[in-house]
C-alpha atoms as a PDB file:
ATOM      1  CA  UNK A   1     173.386  40.343 -56.867  1.00  0.00           C
ATOM      2  CA  UNK A   2     171.215  38.691 -54.199  1.00  0.00           C
ATOM      3  CA  UNK A   3     170.386  35.841 -56.592  1.00  0.00           C
ATOM      4  CA  UNK A   4     174.098  35.194 -57.230  1.00  0.00           C
ATOM      5  CA  UNK A   5     174.878  35.109 -53.499  1.00  0.00           C
ATOM      6  CA  UNK A   6     171.920  32.813 -52.780  1.00  0.00           C
ATOM      7  CA  UNK A   7     172.930  30.496 -55.636  1.00  0.00           C
ATOM      8  CA  UNK A   8     176.505  30.326 -54.294  1.00  0.00           C
ATOM      9  CA  UNK A   9     175.207  29.498 -50.804  1.00  0.00           C
ATOM     10  CA  UNK A  10     172.938  26.787 -52.247  1.00  0.00           C
ATOM     11  CA  UNK A  11     175.847  25.224 -54.176  1.00  0.00           C
ATOM     12  CA  UNK A  12     178.027  25.260 -51.044  1.00  0.00           C
ATOM     13  CA  UNK A  13     175.218  23.747 -48.915  1.00  0.00           C
ATOM     14  CA  UNK A  14     174.666  20.991 -51.501  1.00  0.00           C
ATOM     15  CA  UNK A  15     178.405  20.335 -51.643  1.00  0.00           C
ATOM     16  CA  UNK A  16     178.611  20.066 -47.836  1.00  0.00           C
ATOM     17  CA  UNK A  17     175.721  17.601 -47.808  1.00  0.00           C
ATOM     18  CA  UNK A  18     177.213  15.343 -50.510  1.00  0.00           C
ATOM     19  CA  UNK A  19     180.891  15.726 -49.728  1.00  0.00           C
ATOM     20  CA  UNK A  20     183.049  12.673 -49.083  1.00  0.00           C
ATOM     21  CA  UNK A  21     185.347  14.588 -46.761  1.00  0.00           C
ATOM     22  CA  UNK A  22     185.443  18.153 -45.463  1.00  0.00           C
ATOM     23  CA  UNK A  23     188.440  19.762 -43.815  1.00  0.00           C
ATOM     24  CA  UNK A  24     188.684  23.263 -42.394  1.00  0.00           C
ATOM     25  CA  UNK A  25     191.724  25.465 -42.178  1.00  0.00           C
ATOM     26  CA  UNK A  26     193.279  28.870 -41.741  1.00  0.00           C
ATOM     27  CA  UNK A  27     195.511  30.748 -44.131  1.00  0.00           C
ATOM     28  CA  UNK A  28     197.414  33.978 -44.454  1.00  0.00           C
ATOM     29  CA  UNK A  29     200.049  35.559 -46.590  1.00  0.00           C
ATOM     30  CA  UNK A  30     201.382  38.328 -48.759  1.00  0.00           C
ATOM     31  CA  UNK A  31     199.466  40.346 -51.391  1.00  0.00           C
ATOM     32  CA  UNK A  32     201.113  42.305 -54.183  1.00  0.00           C
ATOM     33  CA  UNK A  33     198.291  44.383 -55.628  1.00  0.00           C
ATOM     34  CA  UNK A  34     197.732  47.032 -58.244  1.00  0.00           C
ATOM     35  CA  UNK A  35     194.864  48.368 -60.317  1.00  0.00           C
ATOM     36  CA  UNK A  36     194.311  47.973 -64.041  1.00  0.00           C
ATOM     37  CA  UNK A  37     191.964  49.382 -66.633  1.00  0.00           C
ATOM     38  CA  UNK A  38     192.124  53.143 -67.213  1.00  0.00           C
ATOM     39  CA  UNK A  39     194.509  53.722 -64.287  1.00  0.00           C
ATOM     40  CA  UNK A  40     197.824  55.316 -65.264  1.00  0.00           C
ATOM     41  CA  UNK A  41     201.073  55.899 -63.373  1.00  0.00           C
ATOM     42  CA  UNK A  42     200.390  53.156 -60.832  1.00  0.00           C
ATOM     43  CA  UNK A  43     202.702  50.656 -59.198  1.00  0.00           C
ATOM     44  CA  UNK A  44     202.274  47.717 -56.851  1.00  0.00           C
ATOM     45  CA  UNK A  45     201.372  47.975 -53.198  1.00  0.00           C
ATOM     46  CA  UNK A  46     202.325  45.257 -50.698  1.00  0.00           C
ATOM     47  CA  UNK A  47     199.630  44.039 -48.306  1.00  0.00           C
ATOM     48  CA  UNK A  48     198.369  40.863 -46.670  1.00  0.00           C
ATOM     49  CA  UNK A  49     195.421  38.500 -46.418  1.00  0.00           C
ATOM     50  CA  UNK A  50     194.204  36.312 -43.553  1.00  0.00           C
ATOM     51  CA  UNK A  51     191.188  34.091 -43.025  1.00  0.00           C
ATOM     52  CA  UNK A  52     189.699  30.627 -43.118  1.00  0.00           C
ATOM     53  CA  UNK A  53     188.524  28.044 -45.618  1.00  0.00           C
ATOM     54  CA  UNK A  54     186.782  24.705 -46.035  1.00  0.00           C
ATOM     55  CA  UNK A  55     188.070  22.069 -48.432  1.00  0.00           C
ATOM     56  CA  UNK A  56     185.165  19.880 -49.537  1.00  0.00           C
ATOM     57  CA  UNK A  57     186.234  16.752 -51.433  1.00  0.00           C
ATOM     58  CA  UNK A  58     183.766  15.951 -54.208  1.00  0.00           C
ATOM     59  CA  UNK A  59     185.716  13.053 -55.708  1.00  0.00           C
ATOM     60  CA  UNK A  60     189.227  11.773 -55.019  1.00  0.00           C
ATOM     61  CA  UNK A  61     191.053  14.453 -57.053  1.00  0.00           C
ATOM     62  CA  UNK A  62     188.514  17.302 -57.005  1.00  0.00           C
ATOM     63  CA  UNK A  63     187.472  19.604 -54.169  1.00  0.00           C
ATOM     64  CA  UNK A  64     185.465  22.805 -53.765  1.00  0.00           C
ATOM     65  CA  UNK A  65     187.163  25.367 -51.533  1.00  0.00           C
ATOM     66  CA  UNK A  66     185.086  28.321 -50.275  1.00  0.00           C
ATOM     67  CA  UNK A  67     187.100  30.896 -48.318  1.00  0.00           C
ATOM     68  CA  UNK A  68     186.461  33.970 -46.179  1.00  0.00           C
ATOM     69  CA  UNK A  69     189.434  36.362 -46.215  1.00  0.00           C
ATOM     70  CA  UNK A  70     190.290  39.839 -45.012  1.00  0.00           C
ATOM     71  CA  UNK A  71     192.518  41.309 -47.735  1.00  0.00           C
ATOM     72  CA  UNK A  72     194.474  44.564 -47.988  1.00  0.00           C
ATOM     73  CA  UNK A  73     194.763  45.694 -51.612  1.00  0.00           C
ATOM     74  CA  UNK A  74     195.241  48.892 -53.610  1.00  0.00           C
ATOM     75  CA  UNK A  75     198.046  50.627 -55.470  1.00  0.00           C
ATOM     76  CA  UNK A  76     200.641  53.356 -55.362  1.00  0.00           C
ATOM     77  CA  UNK A  77     199.505  56.193 -57.636  1.00  0.00           C
ATOM     78  CA  UNK A  78     201.200  59.233 -59.127  1.00  0.00           C
ATOM     79  CA  UNK A  79     198.882  62.112 -60.039  1.00  0.00           C
ATOM     80  CA  UNK A  80     199.849  65.697 -60.924  1.00  0.00           C
ATOM     81  CA  UNK A  81     203.365  65.180 -59.566  1.00  0.00           C
ATOM     82  CA  UNK A  82     202.149  63.862 -56.191  1.00  0.00           C
ATOM     83  CA  UNK A  83     202.388  60.269 -54.986  1.00  0.00           C
ATOM     84  CA  UNK A  84     199.554  58.519 -53.128  1.00  0.00           C
ATOM     85  CA  UNK A  85     199.092  55.129 -51.516  1.00  0.00           C
ATOM     86  CA  UNK A  86     195.499  54.001 -51.994  1.00  0.00           C
ATOM     87  CA  UNK A  87     194.628  51.216 -49.550  1.00  0.00           C
ATOM     88  CA  UNK A  88     191.484  49.209 -50.260  1.00  0.00           C
ATOM     89  CA  UNK A  89     190.452  46.698 -47.576  1.00  0.00           C
ATOM     90  CA  UNK A  90     188.046  43.915 -48.550  1.00  0.00           C
ATOM     91  CA  UNK A  91     186.269  40.924 -47.102  1.00  0.00           C
ATOM     92  CA  UNK A  92     186.723  38.478 -49.998  1.00  0.00           C
ATOM     93  CA  UNK A  93     184.725  35.306 -50.618  1.00  0.00           C
ATOM     94  CA  UNK A  94     186.382  33.140 -53.282  1.00  0.00           C
ATOM     95  CA  UNK A  95     184.841  29.775 -54.221  1.00  0.00           C
ATOM     96  CA  UNK A  96     187.433  27.650 -55.994  1.00  0.00           C
ATOM     97  CA  UNK A  97     187.450  24.337 -57.804  1.00  0.00           C
ATOM     98  CA  UNK A  98     190.660  22.627 -56.646  1.00  0.00           C
ATOM     99  CA  UNK A  99     192.152  19.758 -58.647  1.00  0.00           C
ATOM    100  CA  UNK A 100     194.833  17.447 -57.218  1.00  0.00           C
ATOM    101  CA  UNK A 101     197.336  16.680 -59.996  1.00  0.00           C
ATOM    102  CA  UNK A 102     199.242  14.604 -57.414  1.00  0.00           C
ATOM    103  CA  UNK A 103     198.926  14.446 -53.630  1.00  0.00           C
ATOM    104  CA  UNK A 104     201.387  17.332 -53.440  1.00  0.00           C
ATOM    105  CA  UNK A 105     200.499  19.550 -56.436  1.00  0.00           C
ATOM    106  CA  UNK A 106     197.147  21.265 -56.933  1.00  0.00           C
ATOM    107  CA  UNK A 107     195.672  23.786 -59.359  1.00  0.00           C
ATOM    108  CA  UNK A 108     192.636  25.940 -58.623  1.00  0.00           C
ATOM    109  CA  UNK A 109     190.284  28.375 -60.294  1.00  0.00           C
ATOM    110  CA  UNK A 110     187.032  30.084 -59.444  1.00  0.00           C
ATOM    111  CA  UNK A 111     185.039  33.271 -58.944  1.00  0.00           C
ATOM    112  CA  UNK A 112     185.381  35.731 -56.094  1.00  0.00           C
ATOM    113  CA  UNK A 113     183.200  38.443 -54.661  1.00  0.00           C
ATOM    114  CA  UNK A 114     184.666  41.128 -52.415  1.00  0.00           C
ATOM    115  CA  UNK A 115     182.987  43.575 -50.050  1.00  0.00           C
ATOM    116  CA  UNK A 116     184.769  46.882 -49.484  1.00  0.00           C
ATOM    117  CA  UNK A 117     185.415  47.548 -45.790  1.00  0.00           C
ATOM    118  CA  UNK A 118     187.465  50.744 -46.084  1.00  0.00           C
ATOM    119  CA  UNK A 119     189.312  52.870 -48.638  1.00  0.00           C
ATOM    120  CA  UNK A 120     191.982  55.395 -47.734  1.00  0.00           C
ATOM    121  CA  UNK A 121     194.374  57.469 -49.803  1.00  0.00           C
ATOM    122  CA  UNK A 122     197.292  58.677 -47.661  1.00  0.00           C
ATOM    123  CA  UNK A 123     195.108  58.491 -44.560  1.00  0.00           C
ATOM    124  CA  UNK A 124     192.115  60.318 -46.058  1.00  0.00           C
ATOM    125  CA  UNK A 125     188.824  58.398 -46.306  1.00  0.00           C
ATOM    126  CA  UNK A 126     187.928  57.917 -50.005  1.00  0.00           C
ATOM    127  CA  UNK A 127     185.370  55.113 -49.637  1.00  0.00           C
ATOM    128  CA  UNK A 128     182.698  57.192 -51.416  1.00  0.00           C
ATOM    129  CA  UNK A 129     184.764  57.023 -54.627  1.00  0.00           C
ATOM    130  CA  UNK A 130     184.618  53.198 -54.700  1.00  0.00           C
ATOM    131  CA  UNK A 131     181.884  50.632 -55.215  1.00  0.00           C
ATOM    132  CA  UNK A 132     181.053  48.467 -52.238  1.00  0.00           C
ATOM    133  CA  UNK A 133     181.278  45.187 -54.209  1.00  0.00           C
ATOM    134  CA  UNK A 134     184.101  43.818 -56.364  1.00  0.00           C
ATOM    135  CA  UNK A 135     183.862  40.683 -58.525  1.00  0.00           C
ATOM    136  CA  UNK A 136     186.519  38.737 -60.356  1.00  0.00           C
ATOM    137  CA  UNK A 137     188.223  35.427 -61.042  1.00  0.00           C
ATOM    138  CA  UNK A 138     191.112  33.545 -59.396  1.00  0.00           C
ATOM    139  CA  UNK A 139     193.636  31.120 -60.852  1.00  0.00           C
ATOM    140  CA  UNK A 140     196.333  29.468 -58.817  1.00  0.00           C
ATOM    141  CA  UNK A 141     198.455  26.512 -57.804  1.00  0.00           C
ATOM    142  CA  UNK A 142     199.537  24.946 -54.551  1.00  0.00           C
ATOM    143  CA  UNK A 143     201.992  22.539 -52.990  1.00  0.00           C
ATOM    144  CA  UNK A 144     201.173  20.349 -49.963  1.00  0.00           C
ATOM    145  CA  UNK A 145     204.179  19.781 -47.707  1.00  0.00           C
ATOM    146  CA  UNK A 146     202.128  17.482 -45.450  1.00  0.00           C
ATOM    147  CA  UNK A 147     198.448  16.577 -45.113  1.00  0.00           C
ATOM    148  CA  UNK A 148     198.025  19.719 -43.011  1.00  0.00           C
ATOM    149  CA  UNK A 149     200.552  22.308 -44.248  1.00  0.00           C
ATOM    150  CA  UNK A 150     200.545  23.847 -47.737  1.00  0.00           C
ATOM    151  CA  UNK A 151     201.662  26.871 -49.702  1.00  0.00           C
ATOM    152  CA  UNK A 152     199.770  28.520 -52.542  1.00  0.00           C
ATOM    153  CA  UNK A 153     200.209  31.055 -55.329  1.00  0.00           C
ATOM    154  CA  UNK A 154     197.169  32.839 -56.722  1.00  0.00           C
ATOM    155  CA  UNK A 155     196.374  35.614 -59.177  1.00  0.00           C
ATOM    156  CA  UNK A 156     193.096  37.526 -58.894  1.00  0.00           C
ATOM    157  CA  UNK A 157     191.800  39.275 -61.998  1.00  0.00           C
ATOM    158  CA  UNK A 158     189.181  41.887 -61.176  1.00  0.00           C
ATOM    159  CA  UNK A 159     186.349  41.898 -63.708  1.00  0.00           C
ATOM    160  CA  UNK A 160     184.244  44.721 -62.287  1.00  0.00           C
ATOM    161  CA  UNK A 161     184.876  48.451 -62.153  1.00  0.00           C
ATOM    162  CA  UNK A 162     185.712  49.361 -58.543  1.00  0.00           C
ATOM    163  CA  UNK A 163     185.219  53.100 -59.154  1.00  0.00           C
ATOM    164  CA  UNK A 164     181.749  54.412 -58.266  1.00  0.00           C
ATOM    165  CA  UNK A 165     180.814  56.332 -61.426  1.00  0.00           C
ATOM    166  CA  UNK A 166     177.692  57.655 -59.679  1.00  0.00           C
ATOM    167  CA  UNK A 167     179.704  59.594 -57.103  1.00  0.00           C
ATOM    168  CA  UNK A 168     178.422  63.188 -57.313  1.00  0.00           C
ATOM    169  CA  UNK A 169     181.851  64.854 -57.813  1.00  0.00           C
ATOM    170  CA  UNK A 170     183.166  62.274 -60.317  1.00  0.00           C
ATOM    171  CA  UNK A 171     182.258  64.347 -63.394  1.00  0.00           C
ATOM    172  CA  UNK A 172     184.685  67.008 -62.182  1.00  0.00           C
ATOM    173  CA  UNK A 173     187.542  64.546 -62.854  1.00  0.00           C
ATOM    174  CA  UNK A 174     186.688  62.434 -65.911  1.00  0.00           C
ATOM    175  CA  UNK A 175     183.735  61.383 -68.071  1.00  0.00           C
ATOM    176  CA  UNK A 176     184.234  57.630 -67.645  1.00  0.00           C
ATOM    177  CA  UNK A 177     186.924  55.910 -65.635  1.00  0.00           C
ATOM    178  CA  UNK A 178     187.157  52.141 -65.233  1.00  0.00           C
ATOM    179  CA  UNK A 179     189.545  50.535 -62.756  1.00  0.00           C
ATOM    180  CA  UNK A 180     189.799  46.908 -61.659  1.00  0.00           C
ATOM    181  CA  UNK A 181     191.751  45.183 -58.882  1.00  0.00           C
ATOM    182  CA  UNK A 182     194.614  42.800 -59.703  1.00  0.00           C
ATOM    183  CA  UNK A 183     196.248  40.861 -56.872  1.00  0.00           C
ATOM    184  CA  UNK A 184     199.082  38.311 -56.772  1.00  0.00           C
ATOM    185  CA  UNK A 185     199.047  36.340 -53.503  1.00  0.00           C
ATOM    186  CA  UNK A 186     201.402  33.943 -51.759  1.00  0.00           C
ATOM    187  CA  UNK A 187     199.857  32.144 -48.803  1.00  0.00           C
ATOM    188  CA  UNK A 188     200.601  29.554 -46.151  1.00  0.00           C
ATOM    189  CA  UNK A 189     197.671  27.356 -45.104  1.00  0.00           C
ATOM    190  CA  UNK A 190     197.061  24.914 -42.285  1.00  0.00           C
ATOM    191  CA  UNK A 191     194.243  22.322 -42.437  1.00  0.00           C
ATOM    192  CA  UNK A 192     192.836  20.790 -39.255  1.00  0.00           C
END
């Protein structure tokens, strides 16, 4: 994991050094999240994300966009007749390749790593049930209203199991249980 993080930092540092133009910005918006995999009887949970980004132009139509976001995720779950809201809060670090189809329309894709900050199920701390790191892939599109103001749509597909299978009481529930995060986001961004 350390090698992946160091490689990502090296790529970003190289991109900063060779970039034609770098702009910084802030963004925030709405998350509609759920969990996939072996999870059953789940529905979407509404949350939010907020943070900052750098848009590093590599060539005229291509940019690299690393971001640092606080994101509320999770799902509504139904288990044994009871309903639970499971709230998973992450610090997410997506690194996206952003292609300008026109000056207004963009498409983006890239990996993301997330660090679990807290996990609660109806107010009860359940962080021990979850892994501290989540990894996945983003795809999205955006529209630039002006040079500074834009809106974006993004879908995050979690590729790693967020459940900590090594948790000591896990065998009491199931033999193997794999769950991944899935998040649809709508955001408003402002570049300086």
